[in-house]
């Protein structure tokens, strides 16, 4: 851990050092929750709730839904980092995380993760509804006990990992309605299919790092990226088709339909470019496009809610 130094004597005091240490500790616990990834989880849950409630609905229920989801997602991040601590130290992009860097003890991470899981799931079961709580437990369990270990054994891990990544959108719907139906499945499908080209682009960018850590991402074993490129195109085309479901089932209107179709064609175009050239520049371009694509698509859906 980097210590704070200064040429100013009054800054070199035990009190300043103690405060800096506490801030570092809080930052490490925060980092353990994978906040950037889990921000997307909370946003998609909120979108699902909004679409089901035709607005914000019951404010209290919405708050409990978002807090419970955020805590459960944070638990998944902490427990994932605990399980992968010995592999994270091998990769440049993860070596400075709290556990592989040695700034945090393993027992702290697992206790923190289990506590977050207990509070988050309780929040959803007792203050939202049992179905949403069950879906949250399924998300946490599949992420920790299926996706996390499979990353070291099969390239199918990305497909498995897309399931817990897509469930929160359906959780937002069930939180507002108490049941699963076609709109909830449509939201799940959109998030599921979006994740595939998104994560394959990331895996291309970090293929060498993943190889160092022993993770069987498709671009790691597919050295010429032919299969990776083919899958990016197939998943992108499938995503475009799936995004039209909300219009077909009467969940959104014509403005959304046109927006989804145009954005889908653009997204698929970037996917095709990545598949043809198979370079890092194209993979980064596809990744950035995917980051812009999803919020724009969800915004169009919310604006055009029938």
C-alpha atoms as a PDB file:
ATOM      1  CA  UNK A   1       0.000   0.000   0.000  1.00  0.00           C
ATOM      2  CA  UNK A   2       1.324   3.411  -0.964  1.00  0.00           C
ATOM      3  CA  UNK A   3       1.910   5.648   2.021  1.00  0.00           C
ATOM      4  CA  UNK A   4       1.280   9.377   1.953  1.00  0.00           C
ATOM      5  CA  UNK A   5       4.460  11.437   2.157  1.00  0.00           C
ATOM      6  CA  UNK A   6       5.011  15.164   2.088  1.00  0.00           C
ATOM      7  CA  UNK A   7       7.733  17.711   2.532  1.00  0.00           C
ATOM      8  CA  UNK A   8       5.415  19.670   4.838  1.00  0.00           C
ATOM      9  CA  UNK A   9       6.148  18.559   8.434  1.00  0.00           C
ATOM     10  CA  UNK A  10       2.636  19.153   9.752  1.00  0.00           C
ATOM     11  CA  UNK A  11       1.267  16.649   7.252  1.00  0.00           C
ATOM     12  CA  UNK A  12       3.556  13.948   8.557  1.00  0.00           C
ATOM     13  CA  UNK A  13       1.524  13.217  11.646  1.00  0.00           C
ATOM     14  CA  UNK A  14       0.009   9.995  13.028  1.00  0.00           C
ATOM     15  CA  UNK A  15      -3.482  11.504  12.749  1.00  0.00           C
ATOM     16  CA  UNK A  16      -3.059  12.184   9.024  1.00  0.00           C
ATOM     17  CA  UNK A  17      -1.620   8.716   8.468  1.00  0.00           C
ATOM     18  CA  UNK A  18      -4.522   7.136  10.368  1.00  0.00           C
ATOM     19  CA  UNK A  19      -7.120   9.021   8.344  1.00  0.00           C
ATOM     20  CA  UNK A  20      -5.390   8.056   5.106  1.00  0.00           C
ATOM     21  CA  UNK A  21      -5.337   4.423   6.195  1.00  0.00           C
ATOM     22  CA  UNK A  22      -9.060   4.478   7.012  1.00  0.00           C
ATOM     23  CA  UNK A  23      -9.896   6.041   3.664  1.00  0.00           C
ATOM     24  CA  UNK A  24      -7.807   3.385   1.926  1.00  0.00           C
ATOM     25  CA  UNK A  25      -9.634   0.641   3.822  1.00  0.00           C
ATOM     26  CA  UNK A  26     -13.046   2.027   2.935  1.00  0.00           C
ATOM     27  CA  UNK A  27     -11.960   2.364  -0.684  1.00  0.00           C
ATOM     28  CA  UNK A  28     -10.833  -1.267  -0.702  1.00  0.00           C
ATOM     29  CA  UNK A  29     -14.161  -2.511   0.642  1.00  0.00           C
ATOM     30  CA  UNK A  30     -15.933  -0.382  -1.928  1.00  0.00           C
ATOM     31  CA  UNK A  31     -13.740  -1.792  -4.706  1.00  0.00           C
ATOM     32  CA  UNK A  32     -14.521  -5.304  -3.496  1.00  0.00           C
ATOM     33  CA  UNK A  33     -18.161  -4.801  -4.522  1.00  0.00           C
ATOM     34  CA  UNK A  34     -17.283  -4.165  -8.222  1.00  0.00           C
ATOM     35  CA  UNK A  35     -19.258  -0.887  -8.245  1.00  0.00           C
ATOM     36  CA  UNK A  36     -18.970  -0.125 -11.954  1.00  0.00           C
ATOM     37  CA  UNK A  37     -20.366  -3.489 -12.972  1.00  0.00           C
ATOM     38  CA  UNK A  38     -23.089  -3.415 -10.338  1.00  0.00           C
ATOM     39  CA  UNK A  39     -24.209   0.054 -11.352  1.00  0.00           C
ATOM     40  CA  UNK A  40     -25.560  -1.572 -14.514  1.00  0.00           C
ATOM     41  CA  UNK A  41     -27.347  -4.198 -12.405  1.00  0.00           C
ATOM     42  CA  UNK A  42     -29.159  -1.522 -10.401  1.00  0.00           C
ATOM     43  CA  UNK A  43     -30.028   0.513 -13.505  1.00  0.00           C
ATOM     44  CA  UNK A  44     -31.541  -2.446 -15.355  1.00  0.00           C
ATOM     45  CA  UNK A  45     -33.509  -3.390 -12.256  1.00  0.00           C
ATOM     46  CA  UNK A  46     -34.872   0.148 -12.071  1.00  0.00           C
ATOM     47  CA  UNK A  47     -35.840   0.012 -15.758  1.00  0.00           C
ATOM     48  CA  UNK A  48     -37.689  -3.255 -15.216  1.00  0.00           C
ATOM     49  CA  UNK A  49     -39.571  -1.753 -12.290  1.00  0.00           C
ATOM     50  CA  UNK A  50     -40.428   1.403 -14.246  1.00  0.00           C
ATOM     51  CA  UNK A  51     -41.739  -0.582 -17.210  1.00  0.00           C
ATOM     52  CA  UNK A  52     -43.936  -2.745 -14.968  1.00  0.00           C
ATOM     53  CA  UNK A  53     -45.250   0.084 -12.794  1.00  0.00           C
ATOM     54  CA  UNK A  54     -45.688   2.490 -15.738  1.00  0.00           C
ATOM     55  CA  UNK A  55     -43.629   4.968 -13.767  1.00  0.00           C
ATOM     56  CA  UNK A  56     -42.035   4.949 -10.340  1.00  0.00           C
ATOM     57  CA  UNK A  57     -45.059   3.353  -8.659  1.00  0.00           C
ATOM     58  CA  UNK A  58     -44.684   2.608  -4.959  1.00  0.00           C
ATOM     59  CA  UNK A  59     -41.626   4.619  -3.863  1.00  0.00           C
ATOM     60  CA  UNK A  60     -41.034   2.501  -0.783  1.00  0.00           C
ATOM     61  CA  UNK A  61     -41.087  -0.738  -2.746  1.00  0.00           C
ATOM     62  CA  UNK A  62     -38.792   0.772  -5.374  1.00  0.00           C
ATOM     63  CA  UNK A  63     -36.241   1.816  -2.761  1.00  0.00           C
ATOM     64  CA  UNK A  64     -36.281  -1.616  -1.115  1.00  0.00           C
ATOM     65  CA  UNK A  65     -35.890  -3.222  -4.549  1.00  0.00           C
ATOM     66  CA  UNK A  66     -32.889  -1.127  -5.524  1.00  0.00           C
ATOM     67  CA  UNK A  67     -31.185  -1.356  -2.135  1.00  0.00           C
ATOM     68  CA  UNK A  68     -31.670  -5.116  -1.915  1.00  0.00           C
ATOM     69  CA  UNK A  69     -30.465  -5.600  -5.473  1.00  0.00           C
ATOM     70  CA  UNK A  70     -27.423  -3.385  -4.945  1.00  0.00           C
ATOM     71  CA  UNK A  71     -26.409  -5.231  -1.767  1.00  0.00           C
ATOM     72  CA  UNK A  72     -26.861  -8.662  -3.367  1.00  0.00           C
ATOM     73  CA  UNK A  73     -24.879  -7.611  -6.435  1.00  0.00           C
ATOM     74  CA  UNK A  74     -22.159  -6.218  -4.169  1.00  0.00           C
ATOM     75  CA  UNK A  75     -22.062  -9.558  -2.351  1.00  0.00           C
ATOM     76  CA  UNK A  76     -21.551 -11.338  -5.673  1.00  0.00           C
ATOM     77  CA  UNK A  77     -18.633  -9.054  -6.469  1.00  0.00           C
ATOM     78  CA  UNK A  78     -16.981  -9.561  -3.083  1.00  0.00           C
ATOM     79  CA  UNK A  79     -17.391 -13.335  -3.058  1.00  0.00           C
ATOM     80  CA  UNK A  80     -16.204 -13.580  -6.653  1.00  0.00           C
ATOM     81  CA  UNK A  81     -13.026 -11.702  -5.778  1.00  0.00           C
ATOM     82  CA  UNK A  82     -12.499 -13.966  -2.767  1.00  0.00           C
ATOM     83  CA  UNK A  83     -12.748 -17.088  -4.945  1.00  0.00           C
ATOM     84  CA  UNK A  84     -10.503 -15.675  -7.672  1.00  0.00           C
ATOM     85  CA  UNK A  85      -7.902 -14.001  -5.460  1.00  0.00           C
ATOM     86  CA  UNK A  86      -5.151 -16.479  -6.405  1.00  0.00           C
ATOM     87  CA  UNK A  87      -5.780 -15.927 -10.115  1.00  0.00           C
ATOM     88  CA  UNK A  88      -6.281 -12.166  -9.969  1.00  0.00           C
ATOM     89  CA  UNK A  89      -2.708 -11.754  -8.771  1.00  0.00           C
ATOM     90  CA  UNK A  90      -1.527 -13.188 -12.110  1.00  0.00           C
ATOM     91  CA  UNK A  91      -3.278 -10.576 -14.253  1.00  0.00           C
ATOM     92  CA  UNK A  92      -2.157  -6.990 -14.714  1.00  0.00           C
ATOM     93  CA  UNK A  93      -5.651  -5.490 -14.604  1.00  0.00           C
ATOM     94  CA  UNK A  94      -6.592  -7.221 -11.334  1.00  0.00           C
ATOM     95  CA  UNK A  95      -3.283  -7.563  -9.467  1.00  0.00           C
ATOM     96  CA  UNK A  96      -3.884  -4.368  -7.498  1.00  0.00           C
ATOM     97  CA  UNK A  97      -7.285  -5.422  -6.187  1.00  0.00           C
ATOM     98  CA  UNK A  98      -7.558  -5.512  -2.365  1.00  0.00           C
ATOM     99  CA  UNK A  99      -7.035  -9.274  -1.996  1.00  0.00           C
ATOM    100  CA  UNK A 100      -4.241 -10.090  -4.481  1.00  0.00           C
ATOM    101  CA  UNK A 101      -2.366  -6.949  -3.434  1.00  0.00           C
ATOM    102  CA  UNK A 102      -2.432  -8.115   0.191  1.00  0.00           C
ATOM    103  CA  UNK A 103      -4.189  -4.994   1.490  1.00  0.00           C
ATOM    104  CA  UNK A 104      -7.089  -7.088   2.767  1.00  0.00           C
ATOM    105  CA  UNK A 105      -7.274 -10.482   4.454  1.00  0.00           C
ATOM    106  CA  UNK A 106      -9.293 -13.253   2.818  1.00  0.00           C
ATOM    107  CA  UNK A 107     -11.542 -13.693   5.846  1.00  0.00           C
ATOM    108  CA  UNK A 108     -12.516 -10.021   5.695  1.00  0.00           C
ATOM    109  CA  UNK A 109     -13.686 -10.381   2.107  1.00  0.00           C
ATOM    110  CA  UNK A 110     -15.750 -13.504   2.685  1.00  0.00           C
ATOM    111  CA  UNK A 111     -17.364 -12.162   5.869  1.00  0.00           C
ATOM    112  CA  UNK A 112     -18.128  -8.897   4.098  1.00  0.00           C
ATOM    113  CA  UNK A 113     -19.601 -10.734   1.119  1.00  0.00           C
ATOM    114  CA  UNK A 114     -21.759 -13.060   3.219  1.00  0.00           C
ATOM    115  CA  UNK A 115     -23.028 -10.149   5.301  1.00  0.00           C
ATOM    116  CA  UNK A 116     -23.982  -8.204   2.173  1.00  0.00           C
ATOM    117  CA  UNK A 117     -25.755 -11.269   0.781  1.00  0.00           C
ATOM    118  CA  UNK A 118     -27.722 -11.854   3.984  1.00  0.00           C
ATOM    119  CA  UNK A 119     -28.870  -8.241   4.247  1.00  0.00           C
ATOM    120  CA  UNK A 120     -29.586  -7.844   0.528  1.00  0.00           C
ATOM    121  CA  UNK A 121     -31.611 -11.032   0.179  1.00  0.00           C
ATOM    122  CA  UNK A 122     -33.512 -10.324   3.400  1.00  0.00           C
ATOM    123  CA  UNK A 123     -34.377  -6.868   2.072  1.00  0.00           C
ATOM    124  CA  UNK A 124     -35.887  -8.393  -1.066  1.00  0.00           C
ATOM    125  CA  UNK A 125     -37.654 -11.351   0.574  1.00  0.00           C
ATOM    126  CA  UNK A 126     -39.247  -9.400   3.417  1.00  0.00           C
ATOM    127  CA  UNK A 127     -39.821  -5.927   1.948  1.00  0.00           C
ATOM    128  CA  UNK A 128     -40.456  -6.649  -1.757  1.00  0.00           C
ATOM    129  CA  UNK A 129     -41.725 -10.176  -2.464  1.00  0.00           C
ATOM    130  CA  UNK A 130     -40.529 -13.771  -2.355  1.00  0.00           C
ATOM    131  CA  UNK A 131     -40.288 -14.145  -6.143  1.00  0.00           C
ATOM    132  CA  UNK A 132     -37.892 -11.223  -6.444  1.00  0.00           C
ATOM    133  CA  UNK A 133     -35.903 -12.544  -3.502  1.00  0.00           C
ATOM    134  CA  UNK A 134     -35.717 -15.971  -5.140  1.00  0.00           C
ATOM    135  CA  UNK A 135     -34.491 -14.465  -8.421  1.00  0.00           C
ATOM    136  CA  UNK A 136     -31.839 -12.513  -6.517  1.00  0.00           C
ATOM    137  CA  UNK A 137     -30.689 -15.698  -4.767  1.00  0.00           C
ATOM    138  CA  UNK A 138     -30.602 -17.469  -8.144  1.00  0.00           C
ATOM    139  CA  UNK A 139     -28.525 -14.630  -9.576  1.00  0.00           C
ATOM    140  CA  UNK A 140     -26.054 -14.739  -6.701  1.00  0.00           C
ATOM    141  CA  UNK A 141     -25.808 -18.536  -6.663  1.00  0.00           C
ATOM    142  CA  UNK A 142     -25.342 -18.936 -10.420  1.00  0.00           C
ATOM    143  CA  UNK A 143     -22.707 -16.198 -10.517  1.00  0.00           C
ATOM    144  CA  UNK A 144     -20.685 -17.620  -7.643  1.00  0.00           C
ATOM    145  CA  UNK A 145     -21.143 -21.388  -8.023  1.00  0.00           C
ATOM    146  CA  UNK A 146     -21.470 -21.724 -11.807  1.00  0.00           C
ATOM    147  CA  UNK A 147     -19.969 -18.815 -13.720  1.00  0.00           C
ATOM    148  CA  UNK A 148     -16.981 -18.180 -11.453  1.00  0.00           C
ATOM    149  CA  UNK A 149     -15.560 -21.753 -11.489  1.00  0.00           C
ATOM    150  CA  UNK A 150     -16.523 -22.417 -15.144  1.00  0.00           C
ATOM    151  CA  UNK A 151     -14.299 -19.548 -16.299  1.00  0.00           C
ATOM    152  CA  UNK A 152     -11.322 -21.851 -15.798  1.00  0.00           C
ATOM    153  CA  UNK A 153     -12.763 -24.859 -17.621  1.00  0.00           C
ATOM    154  CA  UNK A 154     -14.895 -23.916 -20.624  1.00  0.00           C
ATOM    155  CA  UNK A 155     -15.524 -21.113 -23.097  1.00  0.00           C
ATOM    156  CA  UNK A 156     -19.239 -21.617 -22.426  1.00  0.00           C
ATOM    157  CA  UNK A 157     -18.717 -19.664 -19.210  1.00  0.00           C
ATOM    158  CA  UNK A 158     -19.681 -16.448 -21.011  1.00  0.00           C
ATOM    159  CA  UNK A 159     -23.122 -17.845 -21.859  1.00  0.00           C
ATOM    160  CA  UNK A 160     -23.569 -19.078 -18.294  1.00  0.00           C
ATOM    161  CA  UNK A 161     -22.428 -15.727 -16.908  1.00  0.00           C
ATOM    162  CA  UNK A 162     -24.930 -13.850 -19.069  1.00  0.00           C
ATOM    163  CA  UNK A 163     -27.793 -15.473 -17.132  1.00  0.00           C
ATOM    164  CA  UNK A 164     -27.141 -13.807 -13.735  1.00  0.00           C
ATOM    165  CA  UNK A 165     -26.311 -10.629 -15.618  1.00  0.00           C
ATOM    166  CA  UNK A 166     -29.754 -10.579 -17.240  1.00  0.00           C
ATOM    167  CA  UNK A 167     -31.951 -11.631 -14.307  1.00  0.00           C
ATOM    168  CA  UNK A 168     -31.950  -8.219 -12.510  1.00  0.00           C
ATOM    169  CA  UNK A 169     -34.016  -6.646 -15.318  1.00  0.00           C
ATOM    170  CA  UNK A 170     -36.688  -9.295 -14.711  1.00  0.00           C
ATOM    171  CA  UNK A 171     -36.348  -8.717 -10.959  1.00  0.00           C
ATOM    172  CA  UNK A 172     -37.426  -5.126 -11.437  1.00  0.00           C
ATOM    173  CA  UNK A 173     -40.560  -6.345 -13.189  1.00  0.00           C
ATOM    174  CA  UNK A 174     -41.394  -8.952 -10.551  1.00  0.00           C
ATOM    175  CA  UNK A 175     -40.793  -6.419  -7.777  1.00  0.00           C
ATOM    176  CA  UNK A 176     -43.570  -4.240  -9.189  1.00  0.00           C
ATOM    177  CA  UNK A 177     -45.989  -7.008 -10.270  1.00  0.00           C
ATOM    178  CA  UNK A 178     -45.226 -10.070  -8.164  1.00  0.00           C
ATOM    179  CA  UNK A 179     -45.146 -12.403 -11.174  1.00  0.00           C
ATOM    180  CA  UNK A 180     -43.137 -13.385 -14.239  1.00  0.00           C
ATOM    181  CA  UNK A 181     -44.659 -12.906 -17.687  1.00  0.00           C
ATOM    182  CA  UNK A 182     -43.650 -12.114 -21.255  1.00  0.00           C
ATOM    183  CA  UNK A 183     -42.462  -8.534 -20.659  1.00  0.00           C
ATOM    184  CA  UNK A 184     -40.160  -9.754 -17.887  1.00  0.00           C
ATOM    185  CA  UNK A 185     -38.783 -12.447 -20.190  1.00  0.00           C
ATOM    186  CA  UNK A 186     -38.307  -9.867 -22.945  1.00  0.00           C
ATOM    187  CA  UNK A 187     -36.224  -7.699 -20.619  1.00  0.00           C
ATOM    188  CA  UNK A 188     -34.211 -10.750 -19.578  1.00  0.00           C
ATOM    189  CA  UNK A 189     -33.609 -11.734 -23.211  1.00  0.00           C
ATOM    190  CA  UNK A 190     -32.428  -8.255 -24.224  1.00  0.00           C
ATOM    191  CA  UNK A 191     -29.878  -8.129 -21.401  1.00  0.00           C
ATOM    192  CA  UNK A 192     -28.796 -11.727 -22.041  1.00  0.00           C
ATOM    193  CA  UNK A 193     -28.116 -11.263 -25.748  1.00  0.00           C
ATOM    194  CA  UNK A 194     -26.514  -7.844 -25.279  1.00  0.00           C
ATOM    195  CA  UNK A 195     -23.946  -9.257 -22.897  1.00  0.00           C
ATOM    196  CA  UNK A 196     -22.545 -11.742 -25.396  1.00  0.00           C
ATOM    197  CA  UNK A 197     -20.955  -9.373 -27.967  1.00  0.00           C
ATOM    198  CA  UNK A 198     -20.204  -6.943 -25.127  1.00  0.00           C
ATOM    199  CA  UNK A 199     -18.181  -9.476 -23.133  1.00  0.00           C
ATOM    200  CA  UNK A 200     -16.572 -11.053 -26.199  1.00  0.00           C
ATOM    201  CA  UNK A 201     -15.238  -7.610 -27.108  1.00  0.00           C
ATOM    202  CA  UNK A 202     -13.847  -7.248 -23.576  1.00  0.00           C
ATOM    203  CA  UNK A 203     -12.314 -10.722 -23.782  1.00  0.00           C
ATOM    204  CA  UNK A 204     -10.507  -9.757 -27.001  1.00  0.00           C
ATOM    205  CA  UNK A 205      -9.094  -6.641 -25.357  1.00  0.00           C
ATOM    206  CA  UNK A 206      -7.858  -8.596 -22.319  1.00  0.00           C
ATOM    207  CA  UNK A 207      -7.136 -11.958 -23.927  1.00  0.00           C
ATOM    208  CA  UNK A 208      -3.472 -11.979 -22.839  1.00  0.00           C
ATOM    209  CA  UNK A 209      -4.412 -11.113 -19.270  1.00  0.00           C
ATOM    210  CA  UNK A 210      -7.092 -13.811 -19.194  1.00  0.00           C
ATOM    211  CA  UNK A 211      -4.533 -16.292 -20.496  1.00  0.00           C
ATOM    212  CA  UNK A 212      -2.150 -15.388 -17.653  1.00  0.00           C
ATOM    213  CA  UNK A 213      -4.927 -16.023 -15.134  1.00  0.00           C
ATOM    214  CA  UNK A 214      -5.883 -19.343 -16.693  1.00  0.00           C
ATOM    215  CA  UNK A 215      -9.378 -18.267 -17.750  1.00  0.00           C
ATOM    216  CA  UNK A 216     -10.893 -20.099 -20.731  1.00  0.00           C
ATOM    217  CA  UNK A 217     -12.489 -17.140 -22.465  1.00  0.00           C
ATOM    218  CA  UNK A 218     -13.189 -17.829 -26.133  1.00  0.00           C
ATOM    219  CA  UNK A 219     -10.604 -15.364 -27.519  1.00  0.00           C
ATOM    220  CA  UNK A 220      -7.941 -17.053 -25.363  1.00  0.00           C
ATOM    221  CA  UNK A 221      -8.329 -20.444 -27.070  1.00  0.00           C
ATOM    222  CA  UNK A 222      -9.500 -19.043 -30.423  1.00  0.00           C
ATOM    223  CA  UNK A 223      -6.169 -17.526 -31.392  1.00  0.00           C
ATOM    224  CA  UNK A 224      -7.165 -16.336 -34.885  1.00  0.00           C
ATOM    225  CA  UNK A 225     -10.498 -15.006 -33.503  1.00  0.00           C
ATOM    226  CA  UNK A 226     -12.492 -16.539 -36.368  1.00  0.00           C
ATOM    227  CA  UNK A 227     -14.950 -18.306 -34.073  1.00  0.00           C
ATOM    228  CA  UNK A 228     -15.079 -15.276 -31.786  1.00  0.00           C
ATOM    229  CA  UNK A 229     -15.909 -12.980 -34.685  1.00  0.00           C
ATOM    230  CA  UNK A 230     -18.567 -15.345 -35.986  1.00  0.00           C
ATOM    231  CA  UNK A 231     -20.222 -15.494 -32.574  1.00  0.00           C
ATOM    232  CA  UNK A 232     -20.126 -11.718 -32.205  1.00  0.00           C
ATOM    233  CA  UNK A 233     -22.072 -11.351 -35.450  1.00  0.00           C
ATOM    234  CA  UNK A 234     -24.575 -14.109 -34.598  1.00  0.00           C
ATOM    235  CA  UNK A 235     -25.247 -12.725 -31.129  1.00  0.00           C
ATOM    236  CA  UNK A 236     -25.558  -9.187 -32.486  1.00  0.00           C
ATOM    237  CA  UNK A 237     -28.117 -10.248 -35.094  1.00  0.00           C
ATOM    238  CA  UNK A 238     -30.023 -12.212 -32.461  1.00  0.00           C
ATOM    239  CA  UNK A 239     -29.927  -9.184 -30.150  1.00  0.00           C
ATOM    240  CA  UNK A 240     -31.470  -6.995 -32.844  1.00  0.00           C
ATOM    241  CA  UNK A 241     -34.313  -9.478 -33.292  1.00  0.00           C
ATOM    242  CA  UNK A 242     -34.879  -9.837 -29.546  1.00  0.00           C
ATOM    243  CA  UNK A 243     -35.032  -6.077 -29.007  1.00  0.00           C
ATOM    244  CA  UNK A 244     -38.154  -5.971 -31.203  1.00  0.00           C
ATOM    245  CA  UNK A 245     -40.051  -8.183 -28.749  1.00  0.00           C
ATOM    246  CA  UNK A 246     -41.307  -5.291 -26.570  1.00  0.00           C
ATOM    247  CA  UNK A 247     -43.090  -3.858 -29.607  1.00  0.00           C
ATOM    248  CA  UNK A 248     -44.503  -7.233 -30.687  1.00  0.00           C
ATOM    249  CA  UNK A 249     -46.016  -7.953 -27.256  1.00  0.00           C
ATOM    250  CA  UNK A 250     -47.340  -4.408 -26.808  1.00  0.00           C
ATOM    251  CA  UNK A 251     -44.835  -3.375 -24.192  1.00  0.00           C
ATOM    252  CA  UNK A 252     -43.539  -0.403 -26.209  1.00  0.00           C
ATOM    253  CA  UNK A 253     -44.660   1.509 -29.283  1.00  0.00           C
ATOM    254  CA  UNK A 254     -43.512   2.493 -32.757  1.00  0.00           C
ATOM    255  CA  UNK A 255     -40.914   5.014 -31.648  1.00  0.00           C
ATOM    256  CA  UNK A 256     -39.160   2.263 -29.714  1.00  0.00           C
ATOM    257  CA  UNK A 257     -39.512  -0.169 -32.638  1.00  0.00           C
ATOM    258  CA  UNK A 258     -37.829   2.203 -35.088  1.00  0.00           C
ATOM    259  CA  UNK A 259     -35.141   3.149 -32.557  1.00  0.00           C
ATOM    260  CA  UNK A 260     -34.391  -0.485 -31.708  1.00  0.00           C
ATOM    261  CA  UNK A 261     -34.192  -1.465 -35.375  1.00  0.00           C
ATOM    262  CA  UNK A 262     -31.816   1.362 -36.286  1.00  0.00           C
ATOM    263  CA  UNK A 263     -29.601   0.878 -33.242  1.00  0.00           C
ATOM    264  CA  UNK A 264     -29.553  -2.867 -33.862  1.00  0.00           C
ATOM    265  CA  UNK A 265     -28.330  -2.378 -37.427  1.00  0.00           C
ATOM    266  CA  UNK A 266     -25.597  -0.003 -36.257  1.00  0.00           C
ATOM    267  CA  UNK A 267     -24.541  -2.349 -33.463  1.00  0.00           C
ATOM    268  CA  UNK A 268     -24.453  -5.333 -35.822  1.00  0.00           C
ATOM    269  CA  UNK A 269     -22.392  -3.277 -38.257  1.00  0.00           C
ATOM    270  CA  UNK A 270     -19.721  -2.692 -35.612  1.00  0.00           C
ATOM    271  CA  UNK A 271     -19.886  -6.374 -34.720  1.00  0.00           C
ATOM    272  CA  UNK A 272     -19.359  -7.340 -38.358  1.00  0.00           C
ATOM    273  CA  UNK A 273     -16.425  -4.947 -38.640  1.00  0.00           C
ATOM    274  CA  UNK A 274     -14.865  -6.507 -35.547  1.00  0.00           C
ATOM    275  CA  UNK A 275     -15.400  -9.994 -36.976  1.00  0.00           C
ATOM    276  CA  UNK A 276     -13.789  -9.104 -40.301  1.00  0.00           C
ATOM    277  CA  UNK A 277     -10.732  -7.208 -39.034  1.00  0.00           C
ATOM    278  CA  UNK A 278     -10.387  -8.988 -35.665  1.00  0.00           C
ATOM    279  CA  UNK A 279      -8.149  -6.269 -34.211  1.00  0.00           C
ATOM    280  CA  UNK A 280      -7.985  -4.606 -30.819  1.00  0.00           C
ATOM    281  CA  UNK A 281      -9.090  -1.281 -32.275  1.00  0.00           C
ATOM    282  CA  UNK A 282     -12.281  -2.834 -33.649  1.00  0.00           C
ATOM    283  CA  UNK A 283     -12.910  -4.724 -30.410  1.00  0.00           C
ATOM    284  CA  UNK A 284     -12.568  -1.493 -28.426  1.00  0.00           C
ATOM    285  CA  UNK A 285     -14.899   0.243 -30.862  1.00  0.00           C
ATOM    286  CA  UNK A 286     -17.490  -2.518 -30.415  1.00  0.00           C
ATOM    287  CA  UNK A 287     -17.106  -2.360 -26.638  1.00  0.00           C
ATOM    288  CA  UNK A 288     -17.663   1.405 -26.557  1.00  0.00           C
ATOM    289  CA  UNK A 289     -20.619   1.050 -28.907  1.00  0.00           C
ATOM    290  CA  UNK A 290     -22.174  -1.556 -26.613  1.00  0.00           C
ATOM    291  CA  UNK A 291     -21.768   0.810 -23.657  1.00  0.00           C
ATOM    292  CA  UNK A 292     -23.709   3.522 -25.495  1.00  0.00           C
ATOM    293  CA  UNK A 293     -26.198   1.155 -27.115  1.00  0.00           C
ATOM    294  CA  UNK A 294     -27.822  -0.307 -24.002  1.00  0.00           C
ATOM    295  CA  UNK A 295     -28.762   2.914 -22.159  1.00  0.00           C
ATOM    296  CA  UNK A 296     -30.061   4.433 -25.397  1.00  0.00           C
ATOM    297  CA  UNK A 297     -32.184   1.358 -26.084  1.00  0.00           C
ATOM    298  CA  UNK A 298     -33.596   1.287 -22.546  1.00  0.00           C
ATOM    299  CA  UNK A 299     -34.253   5.033 -22.651  1.00  0.00           C
ATOM    300  CA  UNK A 300     -36.211   4.623 -25.887  1.00  0.00           C
ATOM    301  CA  UNK A 301     -38.222   1.827 -24.290  1.00  0.00           C
ATOM    302  CA  UNK A 302     -39.061   3.902 -21.222  1.00  0.00           C
ATOM    303  CA  UNK A 303     -39.976   6.979 -23.239  1.00  0.00           C
ATOM    304  CA  UNK A 304     -42.261   4.987 -25.519  1.00  0.00           C
ATOM    305  CA  UNK A 305     -43.908   2.924 -22.777  1.00  0.00           C
ATOM    306  CA  UNK A 306     -47.537   2.270 -23.811  1.00  0.00           C
END
